[in-house]
Amino acid sequence: MELASCSFGQSSKVSYLQMITAVAAVVNGGRLMQPYLVAEIADADGQLLYHREPTVRRQVITPETSAVMRTLMEGVVTEGTGKNGAVAGYRVGGKTGTSQKLDSEDPAARIASFAAVAPIEEPKIAVLICLDEPHSWTTSGGALAGPVAAAVLEQALPHLGIAPSFTAEEQETLFAVVPDVTGWRTGAARQALAAAGFDAALVGEAERVQSQYPAAGITARKGSAVSLDTTGGYDPAADV
């Protein structure tokens, strides 16, 4: 049983720092880097007092395998369960995670997570978002943690001076603004989302949409799913 569960990661316990370090190694050509907190220290006059050079601990996969993994991780965001991790203008790679909790009294307890890397063609930043026992109608890492990772990248990439992966014309073709369909009948909501370029994922069987996720006004990649809650229950955006 342990051999079988090892194939999907349930025989190992790792910290979040270990996890994001592994993600970075997967996409950076296979080099396992030594994590550190402080890159530079400067005084009030701007004089550099300390500088830390990155340290490669060892090669864990080949550059060729790393290139394949970058392609697969981009597919998670463009075609798979991580569409909510998309960031307008940038090529993003991602991996969703929904893990059982070993030490919880609740057998249904989960950790929803999403690891994102951008720009995936030349990675500069990796983000890991983990939600511990989210109070939600879903425990999907892509649905819950994906939008949070996207929001972090949306702020961080321009701040770091990283140029967009796409031209303005390409962005107009690939991305769109999520329309507001709260209060609509589900059929009309589906049609409005389809017209804007999005898929609809219904939660519940009632006739009207009580809440939606991602929220209206968010820029998302065309083809990604907008979850429509018809139950009037939990709004995932409130806890995230």
C-alpha atoms as a PDB file:
ATOM      1  CA  MET A   1       0.000   0.000   0.000  1.00  0.00           C
ATOM      2  CA  GLU A   2       2.818   2.424   0.848  1.00  0.00           C
ATOM      3  CA  LEU A   3       4.455   1.748  -2.517  1.00  0.00           C
ATOM      4  CA  ALA A   4       1.190   2.560  -4.281  1.00  0.00           C
ATOM      5  CA  SER A   5       0.516   5.736  -2.291  1.00  0.00           C
ATOM      6  CA  CYS A   6       4.099   6.900  -2.849  1.00  0.00           C
ATOM      7  CA  SER A   7       3.292   7.394  -6.535  1.00  0.00           C
ATOM      8  CA  PHE A   8       1.017  10.321  -5.696  1.00  0.00           C
ATOM      9  CA  GLY A   9       2.996  11.746  -2.781  1.00  0.00           C
ATOM     10  CA  GLN A  10       1.242  10.355   0.283  1.00  0.00           C
ATOM     11  CA  SER A  11       4.278   8.655   1.786  1.00  0.00           C
ATOM     12  CA  SER A  12       6.325  11.819   2.222  1.00  0.00           C
ATOM     13  CA  LYS A  13       5.837  14.856   4.424  1.00  0.00           C
ATOM     14  CA  VAL A  14       7.533  18.053   3.281  1.00  0.00           C
ATOM     15  CA  SER A  15       7.496  21.685   4.330  1.00  0.00           C
ATOM     16  CA  TYR A  16       6.170  24.404   2.055  1.00  0.00           C
ATOM     17  CA  LEU A  17       9.732  25.691   1.609  1.00  0.00           C
ATOM     18  CA  GLN A  18      10.870  22.247   0.483  1.00  0.00           C
ATOM     19  CA  MET A  19       7.946  22.053  -1.916  1.00  0.00           C
ATOM     20  CA  ILE A  20       8.572  25.404  -3.613  1.00  0.00           C
ATOM     21  CA  THR A  21      12.308  24.625  -3.784  1.00  0.00           C
ATOM     22  CA  ALA A  22      11.455  21.429  -5.641  1.00  0.00           C
ATOM     23  CA  VAL A  23       9.115  23.299  -7.986  1.00  0.00           C
ATOM     24  CA  ALA A  24      11.882  25.777  -8.787  1.00  0.00           C
ATOM     25  CA  ALA A  25      14.274  22.925  -9.581  1.00  0.00           C
ATOM     26  CA  VAL A  26      11.736  21.346 -11.917  1.00  0.00           C
ATOM     27  CA  VAL A  27      11.515  24.470 -14.097  1.00  0.00           C
ATOM     28  CA  ASN A  28      14.979  26.063 -13.873  1.00  0.00           C
ATOM     29  CA  GLY A  29      16.872  23.424 -15.809  1.00  0.00           C
ATOM     30  CA  GLY A  30      16.973  20.864 -13.017  1.00  0.00           C
ATOM     31  CA  ARG A  31      19.217  22.737 -10.567  1.00  0.00           C
ATOM     32  CA  LEU A  32      18.298  22.378  -6.895  1.00  0.00           C
ATOM     33  CA  MET A  33      19.034  25.755  -5.324  1.00  0.00           C
ATOM     34  CA  GLN A  34      19.851  26.596  -1.709  1.00  0.00           C
ATOM     35  CA  PRO A  35      16.965  28.725  -0.362  1.00  0.00           C
ATOM     36  CA  TYR A  36      17.772  31.993   1.413  1.00  0.00           C
ATOM     37  CA  LEU A  37      15.767  34.926   2.737  1.00  0.00           C
ATOM     38  CA  VAL A  38      18.005  37.960   2.174  1.00  0.00           C
ATOM     39  CA  ALA A  39      19.584  38.692  -1.197  1.00  0.00           C
ATOM     40  CA  GLU A  40      21.062  42.113  -0.423  1.00  0.00           C
ATOM     41  CA  ILE A  41      21.421  44.625   2.408  1.00  0.00           C
ATOM     42  CA  ALA A  42      22.133  48.304   1.750  1.00  0.00           C
ATOM     43  CA  ASP A  43      22.574  51.269   4.083  1.00  0.00           C
ATOM     44  CA  ALA A  44      20.602  54.528   4.007  1.00  0.00           C
ATOM     45  CA  ASP A  45      22.936  55.918   1.321  1.00  0.00           C
ATOM     46  CA  GLY A  46      22.403  52.940  -0.932  1.00  0.00           C
ATOM     47  CA  GLN A  47      25.833  51.453  -0.302  1.00  0.00           C
ATOM     48  CA  LEU A  48      25.758  47.687  -0.607  1.00  0.00           C
ATOM     49  CA  LEU A  49      26.657  46.021   2.698  1.00  0.00           C
ATOM     50  CA  TYR A  50      25.799  42.426   1.869  1.00  0.00           C
ATOM     51  CA  HIS A  51      25.132  40.409  -1.255  1.00  0.00           C
ATOM     52  CA  ARG A  52      24.216  36.745  -1.455  1.00  0.00           C
ATOM     53  CA  GLU A  53      25.073  34.786  -4.585  1.00  0.00           C
ATOM     54  CA  PRO A  54      22.706  31.935  -5.514  1.00  0.00           C
ATOM     55  CA  THR A  55      24.076  28.494  -4.640  1.00  0.00           C
ATOM     56  CA  VAL A  56      23.386  25.353  -6.680  1.00  0.00           C
ATOM     57  CA  ARG A  57      23.239  22.316  -4.402  1.00  0.00           C
ATOM     58  CA  ARG A  58      23.084  19.688  -7.129  1.00  0.00           C
ATOM     59  CA  GLN A  59      21.562  18.718 -10.469  1.00  0.00           C
ATOM     60  CA  VAL A  60      18.379  16.694  -9.872  1.00  0.00           C
ATOM     61  CA  ILE A  61      16.942  16.338 -13.395  1.00  0.00           C
ATOM     62  CA  THR A  62      18.336  17.005 -16.850  1.00  0.00           C
ATOM     63  CA  PRO A  63      17.725  20.317 -18.631  1.00  0.00           C
ATOM     64  CA  GLU A  64      15.813  18.367 -21.289  1.00  0.00           C
ATOM     65  CA  THR A  65      13.449  16.901 -18.701  1.00  0.00           C
ATOM     66  CA  SER A  66      13.014  20.349 -17.168  1.00  0.00           C
ATOM     67  CA  ALA A  67      11.990  21.741 -20.569  1.00  0.00           C
ATOM     68  CA  VAL A  68       9.360  19.009 -20.905  1.00  0.00           C
ATOM     69  CA  MET A  69       8.039  19.809 -17.425  1.00  0.00           C
ATOM     70  CA  ARG A  70       7.719  23.509 -18.269  1.00  0.00           C
ATOM     71  CA  THR A  71       5.600  22.594 -21.277  1.00  0.00           C
ATOM     72  CA  LEU A  72       3.409  20.300 -19.184  1.00  0.00           C
ATOM     73  CA  MET A  73       2.984  22.887 -16.432  1.00  0.00           C
ATOM     74  CA  GLU A  74       1.942  25.531 -18.939  1.00  0.00           C
ATOM     75  CA  GLY A  75      -0.655  23.073 -20.206  1.00  0.00           C
ATOM     76  CA  VAL A  76      -2.116  22.850 -16.699  1.00  0.00           C
ATOM     77  CA  VAL A  77      -2.917  26.578 -16.882  1.00  0.00           C
ATOM     78  CA  THR A  78      -3.955  26.795 -20.530  1.00  0.00           C
ATOM     79  CA  GLU A  79      -5.889  23.545 -20.871  1.00  0.00           C
ATOM     80  CA  GLY A  80      -6.127  21.781 -17.490  1.00  0.00           C
ATOM     81  CA  THR A  81      -7.340  22.251 -13.931  1.00  0.00           C
ATOM     82  CA  GLY A  82      -5.195  25.333 -13.277  1.00  0.00           C
ATOM     83  CA  LYS A  83      -6.891  27.775 -15.657  1.00  0.00           C
ATOM     84  CA  ASN A  84      -7.714  30.095 -12.770  1.00  0.00           C
ATOM     85  CA  GLY A  85      -3.975  30.612 -12.296  1.00  0.00           C
ATOM     86  CA  ALA A  86      -3.629  32.508 -15.567  1.00  0.00           C
ATOM     87  CA  VAL A  87      -2.224  36.048 -15.554  1.00  0.00           C
ATOM     88  CA  ALA A  88      -3.092  38.413 -18.375  1.00  0.00           C
ATOM     89  CA  GLY A  89      -0.115  39.034 -20.632  1.00  0.00           C
ATOM     90  CA  TYR A  90       2.127  36.293 -19.247  1.00  0.00           C
ATOM     91  CA  ARG A  91       2.768  32.628 -19.919  1.00  0.00           C
ATOM     92  CA  VAL A  92       2.250  30.876 -16.591  1.00  0.00           C
ATOM     93  CA  GLY A  93       2.980  27.298 -15.576  1.00  0.00           C
ATOM     94  CA  GLY A  94       1.207  25.664 -12.679  1.00  0.00           C
ATOM     95  CA  LYS A  95       0.449  22.543 -10.692  1.00  0.00           C
ATOM     96  CA  THR A  96      -2.663  22.030  -8.616  1.00  0.00           C
ATOM     97  CA  GLY A  97      -2.698  20.084  -5.368  1.00  0.00           C
ATOM     98  CA  THR A  98      -5.416  18.620  -3.144  1.00  0.00           C
ATOM     99  CA  SER A  99      -3.874  16.649  -0.296  1.00  0.00           C
ATOM    100  CA  GLN A 100      -5.355  14.718   2.605  1.00  0.00           C
ATOM    101  CA  LYS A 101      -4.297  15.782   6.109  1.00  0.00           C
ATOM    102  CA  LEU A 102      -2.546  13.081   8.086  1.00  0.00           C
ATOM    103  CA  ASP A 103      -2.980  14.613  11.547  1.00  0.00           C
ATOM    104  CA  SER A 104      -6.565  15.880  11.304  1.00  0.00           C
ATOM    105  CA  GLU A 105      -9.526  14.473  13.228  1.00  0.00           C
ATOM    106  CA  ASP A 106     -11.696  15.156  10.191  1.00  0.00           C
ATOM    107  CA  PRO A 107     -11.187  12.440   7.541  1.00  0.00           C
ATOM    108  CA  ALA A 108     -12.428  14.864   4.891  1.00  0.00           C
ATOM    109  CA  ALA A 109      -9.867  17.547   5.783  1.00  0.00           C
ATOM    110  CA  ARG A 110      -7.762  18.715   2.848  1.00  0.00           C
ATOM    111  CA  ILE A 111      -5.075  21.214   1.917  1.00  0.00           C
ATOM    112  CA  ALA A 112      -5.790  22.952  -1.387  1.00  0.00           C
ATOM    113  CA  SER A 113      -2.652  24.262  -3.066  1.00  0.00           C
ATOM    114  CA  PHE A 114      -1.375  25.752  -6.278  1.00  0.00           C
ATOM    115  CA  ALA A 115       2.215  26.250  -7.423  1.00  0.00           C
ATOM    116  CA  ALA A 116       2.737  28.822 -10.168  1.00  0.00           C
ATOM    117  CA  VAL A 117       5.817  29.792 -12.169  1.00  0.00           C
ATOM    118  CA  ALA A 118       6.231  32.737 -14.532  1.00  0.00           C
ATOM    119  CA  PRO A 119       7.153  33.505 -17.179  1.00  0.00           C
ATOM    120  CA  ILE A 120       7.223  29.807 -17.991  1.00  0.00           C
ATOM    121  CA  GLU A 121       9.441  30.315 -21.049  1.00  0.00           C
ATOM    122  CA  GLU A 122      12.163  31.819 -18.797  1.00  0.00           C
ATOM    123  CA  PRO A 123      11.131  31.398 -15.141  1.00  0.00           C
ATOM    124  CA  LYS A 124      11.882  34.293 -12.797  1.00  0.00           C
ATOM    125  CA  ILE A 125       9.425  33.765  -9.949  1.00  0.00           C
ATOM    126  CA  ALA A 126       7.728  30.793  -8.297  1.00  0.00           C
ATOM    127  CA  VAL A 127       4.717  31.086  -5.988  1.00  0.00           C
ATOM    128  CA  LEU A 128       3.132  28.461  -3.740  1.00  0.00           C
ATOM    129  CA  ILE A 129      -0.306  29.088  -2.231  1.00  0.00           C
ATOM    130  CA  CYS A 130      -1.632  26.589   0.346  1.00  0.00           C
ATOM    131  CA  LEU A 131      -5.074  26.810   1.947  1.00  0.00           C
ATOM    132  CA  ASP A 132      -5.370  24.679   5.076  1.00  0.00           C
ATOM    133  CA  GLU A 133      -8.843  23.111   5.387  1.00  0.00           C
ATOM    134  CA  PRO A 134     -10.655  25.713   3.254  1.00  0.00           C
ATOM    135  CA  HIS A 135     -14.344  26.160   4.133  1.00  0.00           C
ATOM    136  CA  SER A 136     -15.608  25.682   0.620  1.00  0.00           C
ATOM    137  CA  TRP A 137     -17.855  23.677  -1.665  1.00  0.00           C
ATOM    138  CA  THR A 138     -14.658  22.344  -3.242  1.00  0.00           C
ATOM    139  CA  THR A 139     -11.138  21.436  -2.161  1.00  0.00           C
ATOM    140  CA  SER A 140      -9.676  21.867  -5.636  1.00  0.00           C
ATOM    141  CA  GLY A 141      -6.333  23.622  -5.547  1.00  0.00           C
ATOM    142  CA  GLY A 142      -6.953  25.061  -8.988  1.00  0.00           C
ATOM    143  CA  ALA A 143     -10.312  26.554  -8.028  1.00  0.00           C
ATOM    144  CA  LEU A 144      -9.313  27.971  -4.641  1.00  0.00           C
ATOM    145  CA  ALA A 145      -5.557  28.577  -4.567  1.00  0.00           C
ATOM    146  CA  GLY A 146      -5.100  29.234  -8.289  1.00  0.00           C
ATOM    147  CA  PRO A 147      -6.694  32.711  -8.298  1.00  0.00           C
ATOM    148  CA  VAL A 148      -4.643  33.715  -5.252  1.00  0.00           C
ATOM    149  CA  ALA A 149      -1.411  32.711  -6.976  1.00  0.00           C
ATOM    150  CA  ALA A 150      -2.504  34.632 -10.071  1.00  0.00           C
ATOM    151  CA  ALA A 151      -3.175  37.738  -7.969  1.00  0.00           C
ATOM    152  CA  VAL A 152       0.309  37.525  -6.439  1.00  0.00           C
ATOM    153  CA  LEU A 153       1.965  37.137  -9.839  1.00  0.00           C
ATOM    154  CA  GLU A 154      -0.110  39.950 -11.307  1.00  0.00           C
ATOM    155  CA  GLN A 155       1.438  42.326  -8.771  1.00  0.00           C
ATOM    156  CA  ALA A 156       4.922  40.804  -8.584  1.00  0.00           C
ATOM    157  CA  LEU A 157       5.794  40.484 -12.274  1.00  0.00           C
ATOM    158  CA  PRO A 158       5.513  44.206 -13.177  1.00  0.00           C
ATOM    159  CA  HIS A 159       7.149  45.136  -9.849  1.00  0.00           C
ATOM    160  CA  LEU A 160      10.166  43.004 -10.782  1.00  0.00           C
ATOM    161  CA  GLY A 161      10.299  44.620 -14.211  1.00  0.00           C
ATOM    162  CA  ILE A 162       9.477  41.392 -16.059  1.00  0.00           C
ATOM    163  CA  ALA A 163       8.074  42.148 -19.497  1.00  0.00           C
ATOM    164  CA  PRO A 164       4.828  40.471 -20.630  1.00  0.00           C
ATOM    165  CA  SER A 165       5.082  37.336 -22.738  1.00  0.00           C
ATOM    166  CA  PHE A 166       2.439  38.538 -25.199  1.00  0.00           C
ATOM    167  CA  THR A 167       1.899  41.658 -27.270  1.00  0.00           C
ATOM    168  CA  ALA A 168      -1.180  43.810 -26.721  1.00  0.00           C
ATOM    169  CA  GLU A 169      -2.818  42.208 -29.753  1.00  0.00           C
ATOM    170  CA  GLU A 170      -2.119  38.703 -28.467  1.00  0.00           C
ATOM    171  CA  GLN A 171      -3.465  39.601 -25.036  1.00  0.00           C
ATOM    172  CA  GLU A 172      -6.736  40.756 -26.575  1.00  0.00           C
ATOM    173  CA  THR A 173      -7.065  37.402 -28.331  1.00  0.00           C
ATOM    174  CA  LEU A 174      -6.125  35.207 -25.360  1.00  0.00           C
ATOM    175  CA  PHE A 175      -7.677  37.012 -22.371  1.00  0.00           C
ATOM    176  CA  ALA A 176     -11.047  38.494 -21.460  1.00  0.00           C
ATOM    177  CA  VAL A 177     -12.839  40.097 -18.519  1.00  0.00           C
ATOM    178  CA  VAL A 178     -15.152  37.798 -16.561  1.00  0.00           C
ATOM    179  CA  PRO A 179     -18.739  39.114 -16.828  1.00  0.00           C
ATOM    180  CA  ASP A 180     -21.093  39.491 -13.857  1.00  0.00           C
ATOM    181  CA  VAL A 181     -23.784  36.794 -14.002  1.00  0.00           C
ATOM    182  CA  THR A 182     -24.843  36.723 -10.344  1.00  0.00           C
ATOM    183  CA  GLY A 183     -28.622  36.656 -10.059  1.00  0.00           C
ATOM    184  CA  TRP A 184     -29.010  35.336 -13.602  1.00  0.00           C
ATOM    185  CA  ARG A 185     -30.777  32.148 -14.575  1.00  0.00           C
ATOM    186  CA  THR A 186     -28.227  29.430 -15.216  1.00  0.00           C
ATOM    187  CA  GLY A 187     -29.040  29.117 -18.913  1.00  0.00           C
ATOM    188  CA  ALA A 188     -28.549  32.819 -19.554  1.00  0.00           C
ATOM    189  CA  ALA A 189     -25.423  32.824 -17.401  1.00  0.00           C
ATOM    190  CA  ARG A 190     -23.942  29.996 -19.455  1.00  0.00           C
ATOM    191  CA  GLN A 191     -24.672  31.883 -22.666  1.00  0.00           C
ATOM    192  CA  ALA A 192     -23.118  35.106 -21.381  1.00  0.00           C
ATOM    193  CA  LEU A 193     -19.981  33.312 -20.257  1.00  0.00           C
ATOM    194  CA  ALA A 194     -19.709  31.447 -23.548  1.00  0.00           C
ATOM    195  CA  ALA A 195     -20.046  34.720 -25.461  1.00  0.00           C
ATOM    196  CA  ALA A 196     -17.186  36.149 -23.398  1.00  0.00           C
ATOM    197  CA  GLY A 197     -15.067  33.061 -24.066  1.00  0.00           C
ATOM    198  CA  PHE A 198     -15.462  31.175 -20.780  1.00  0.00           C
ATOM    199  CA  ASP A 199     -16.779  27.793 -19.690  1.00  0.00           C
ATOM    200  CA  ALA A 200     -19.337  27.440 -16.883  1.00  0.00           C
ATOM    201  CA  ALA A 201     -19.128  24.981 -13.981  1.00  0.00           C
ATOM    202  CA  LEU A 202     -22.408  24.721 -12.073  1.00  0.00           C
ATOM    203  CA  VAL A 203     -22.549  23.985  -8.353  1.00  0.00           C
ATOM    204  CA  GLY A 204     -26.029  22.889  -7.260  1.00  0.00           C
ATOM    205  CA  GLU A 205     -29.226  22.457  -9.229  1.00  0.00           C
ATOM    206  CA  ALA A 206     -31.157  25.665  -8.500  1.00  0.00           C
ATOM    207  CA  GLU A 207     -32.247  27.970 -11.308  1.00  0.00           C
ATOM    208  CA  ARG A 208     -30.364  31.136 -10.385  1.00  0.00           C
ATOM    209  CA  VAL A 209     -26.705  31.955  -9.803  1.00  0.00           C
ATOM    210  CA  GLN A 210     -26.112  33.089  -6.221  1.00  0.00           C
ATOM    211  CA  SER A 211     -22.363  33.710  -6.532  1.00  0.00           C
ATOM    212  CA  GLN A 212     -19.567  33.205  -9.031  1.00  0.00           C
ATOM    213  CA  TYR A 213     -15.860  32.519  -8.938  1.00  0.00           C
ATOM    214  CA  PRO A 214     -13.679  34.105 -10.230  1.00  0.00           C
ATOM    215  CA  ALA A 215     -15.520  37.317  -9.487  1.00  0.00           C
ATOM    216  CA  ALA A 216     -16.792  39.680 -12.145  1.00  0.00           C
ATOM    217  CA  GLY A 217     -14.221  42.098 -13.513  1.00  0.00           C
ATOM    218  CA  ILE A 218     -11.232  39.773 -13.192  1.00  0.00           C
ATOM    219  CA  THR A 219      -9.150  39.288 -16.333  1.00  0.00           C
ATOM    220  CA  ALA A 220      -8.788  35.573 -17.057  1.00  0.00           C
ATOM    221  CA  ARG A 221      -7.654  33.374 -19.895  1.00  0.00           C
ATOM    222  CA  LYS A 222     -10.350  32.523 -22.420  1.00  0.00           C
ATOM    223  CA  GLY A 223     -11.487  28.936 -22.102  1.00  0.00           C
ATOM    224  CA  SER A 224     -11.107  28.887 -18.315  1.00  0.00           C
ATOM    225  CA  ALA A 225     -14.048  27.870 -16.134  1.00  0.00           C
ATOM    226  CA  VAL A 226     -16.186  30.207 -14.056  1.00  0.00           C
ATOM    227  CA  SER A 227     -17.820  28.381 -11.138  1.00  0.00           C
ATOM    228  CA  LEU A 228     -21.474  29.294 -10.650  1.00  0.00           C
ATOM    229  CA  ASP A 229     -22.921  28.534  -7.207  1.00  0.00           C
ATOM    230  CA  THR A 230     -26.704  28.150  -7.292  1.00  0.00           C
ATOM    231  CA  THR A 231     -27.036  26.917  -3.705  1.00  0.00           C
ATOM    232  CA  GLY A 232     -26.671  30.257  -1.961  1.00  0.00           C
ATOM    233  CA  GLY A 233     -24.114  28.631   0.296  1.00  0.00           C
ATOM    234  CA  TYR A 234     -20.450  29.303   0.770  1.00  0.00           C
ATOM    235  CA  ASP A 235     -18.690  31.961  -1.291  1.00  0.00           C
ATOM    236  CA  PRO A 236     -15.082  30.770  -1.783  1.00  0.00           C
ATOM    237  CA  ALA A 237     -13.822  34.266  -2.501  1.00  0.00           C
ATOM    238  CA  ALA A 238     -14.727  35.343   1.039  1.00  0.00           C
ATOM    239  CA  ASP A 239     -12.188  33.061   2.730  1.00  0.00           C
ATOM    240  CA  VAL A 240      -9.495  33.389   0.095  1.00  0.00           C
END
